[in-house]
Amino acid sequence: MVADESSTDKHKRLARRVPDEIASEGAIDVVDELFAENVVAHINPLGAADGRDEFQQLPQRMRAACPDRQATVDPYSLLRQLGVTEAPMK
């Protein structure tokens, strides 16, 4: 089954919000919007987070250690993680 373009675009946009808004900008309020209350994350070297409150501390720790850090997204890696296969043809 192939995802329609609007569904793929929606998933791409949502997935990009984590590195763009949370990691790069430090907008931790977005965590409440994007993640379930019982989120569990394992982010090396920051450690694990059990729940949204702990998850919000991870980008704060990273920004404290590296205040100029900017997260980027590899679009092909993102698509693979979403289970989307693209085969552009010319």
Protein backbone atom coordinates (compact mmCIF):
# COMPACT_ATOMS: atom_id res chain seq x y z
CA MET A 1 0.00 0.00 0.00
CA VAL A 2 1.37 3.40 -0.98
CA ALA A 3 0.56 6.40 1.18
CA ASP A 4 -1.08 9.27 -0.63
CA GLU A 5 0.89 12.48 -0.96
CA SER A 6 -1.13 14.43 1.60
CA SER A 7 -0.60 11.73 4.23
CA THR A 8 3.14 11.58 3.49
CA ASP A 9 3.48 15.34 3.59
CA LYS A 10 1.62 15.47 6.90
CA HIS A 11 3.93 12.86 8.43
CA LYS A 12 7.03 14.65 7.12
CA ARG A 13 5.85 17.95 8.57
CA LEU A 14 5.11 16.39 11.96
CA ALA A 15 8.40 14.50 12.07
CA ARG A 16 10.38 17.65 11.22
CA ARG A 17 8.86 19.54 14.14
CA VAL A 18 10.97 17.59 16.65
CA PRO A 19 14.38 18.65 15.34
CA ASP A 20 13.21 22.06 14.09
CA GLU A 21 11.11 23.29 16.99
CA ILE A 22 12.18 21.22 19.98
CA ALA A 23 15.89 20.51 19.39
CA SER A 24 16.93 23.64 17.48
CA GLU A 25 14.59 26.28 18.89
CA GLY A 26 14.08 24.82 22.36
CA ALA A 27 10.28 25.05 22.10
CA ILE A 28 9.56 22.43 24.75
CA ASP A 29 5.86 23.34 24.87
CA VAL A 30 5.55 21.50 21.55
CA VAL A 31 6.28 18.24 23.41
CA ASP A 32 2.78 18.37 24.94
CA GLU A 33 1.28 18.63 21.47
CA LEU A 34 3.34 15.97 19.73
CA PHE A 35 3.93 13.25 22.34
CA ALA A 36 1.72 11.05 24.50
CA GLU A 37 1.89 11.52 28.27
CA ASN A 38 3.62 8.14 28.61
CA VAL A 39 6.30 8.71 25.94
CA VAL A 40 9.53 6.78 26.49
CA ALA A 41 12.62 8.02 24.67
CA HIS A 42 16.18 6.75 24.61
CA ILE A 43 18.38 9.52 23.27
CA ASN A 44 22.12 9.02 23.54
CA PRO A 45 24.13 10.58 25.10
CA LEU A 46 21.34 12.29 27.04
CA GLY A 47 19.89 9.11 28.47
CA ALA A 48 16.31 7.95 28.76
CA ALA A 49 13.13 9.87 29.42
CA ASP A 50 10.01 8.27 30.85
CA GLY A 51 7.04 10.57 30.27
CA ARG A 52 6.60 14.04 28.78
CA ASP A 53 8.01 15.88 31.80
CA GLU A 54 11.30 13.99 31.58
CA PHE A 55 11.30 14.21 27.77
CA GLN A 56 11.09 18.01 27.97
CA GLN A 57 14.30 18.04 30.01
CA LEU A 58 16.35 16.32 27.26
CA PRO A 59 16.45 19.25 24.80
CA GLN A 60 16.99 21.64 27.70
CA ARG A 61 20.08 19.65 28.75
CA MET A 62 21.39 19.55 25.19
CA ARG A 63 20.86 23.28 24.69
CA ALA A 64 22.60 24.01 28.00
CA ALA A 65 25.63 21.98 26.86
CA CYS A 66 25.56 23.22 23.22
CA PRO A 67 23.59 26.49 23.01
CA ASP A 68 24.33 27.05 19.31
CA ARG A 69 23.27 23.55 18.26
CA GLN A 70 21.03 23.23 15.21
CA ALA A 71 19.36 19.92 14.41
CA THR A 72 18.92 18.90 10.79
CA VAL A 73 16.83 16.25 9.10
CA ASP A 74 18.02 13.94 6.35
CA PRO A 75 14.85 13.68 4.23
CA TYR A 76 15.63 10.16 2.99
CA SER A 77 16.28 8.88 6.50
CA LEU A 78 13.03 10.49 7.61
CA LEU A 79 11.08 8.80 4.83
CA ARG A 80 12.57 5.39 5.67
CA GLN A 81 11.60 5.82 9.32
CA LEU A 82 8.06 6.63 8.24
CA GLY A 83 7.98 3.49 6.10
CA VAL A 84 7.70 5.46 2.88
CA THR A 85 9.56 4.31 -0.19
CA GLU A 86 10.10 6.81 -2.97
CA ALA A 87 11.50 5.90 -6.34
CA PRO A 88 11.73 9.13 -8.37
CA MET A 89 11.76 8.41 -12.08
CA LYS A 90 12.91 10.72 -14.82
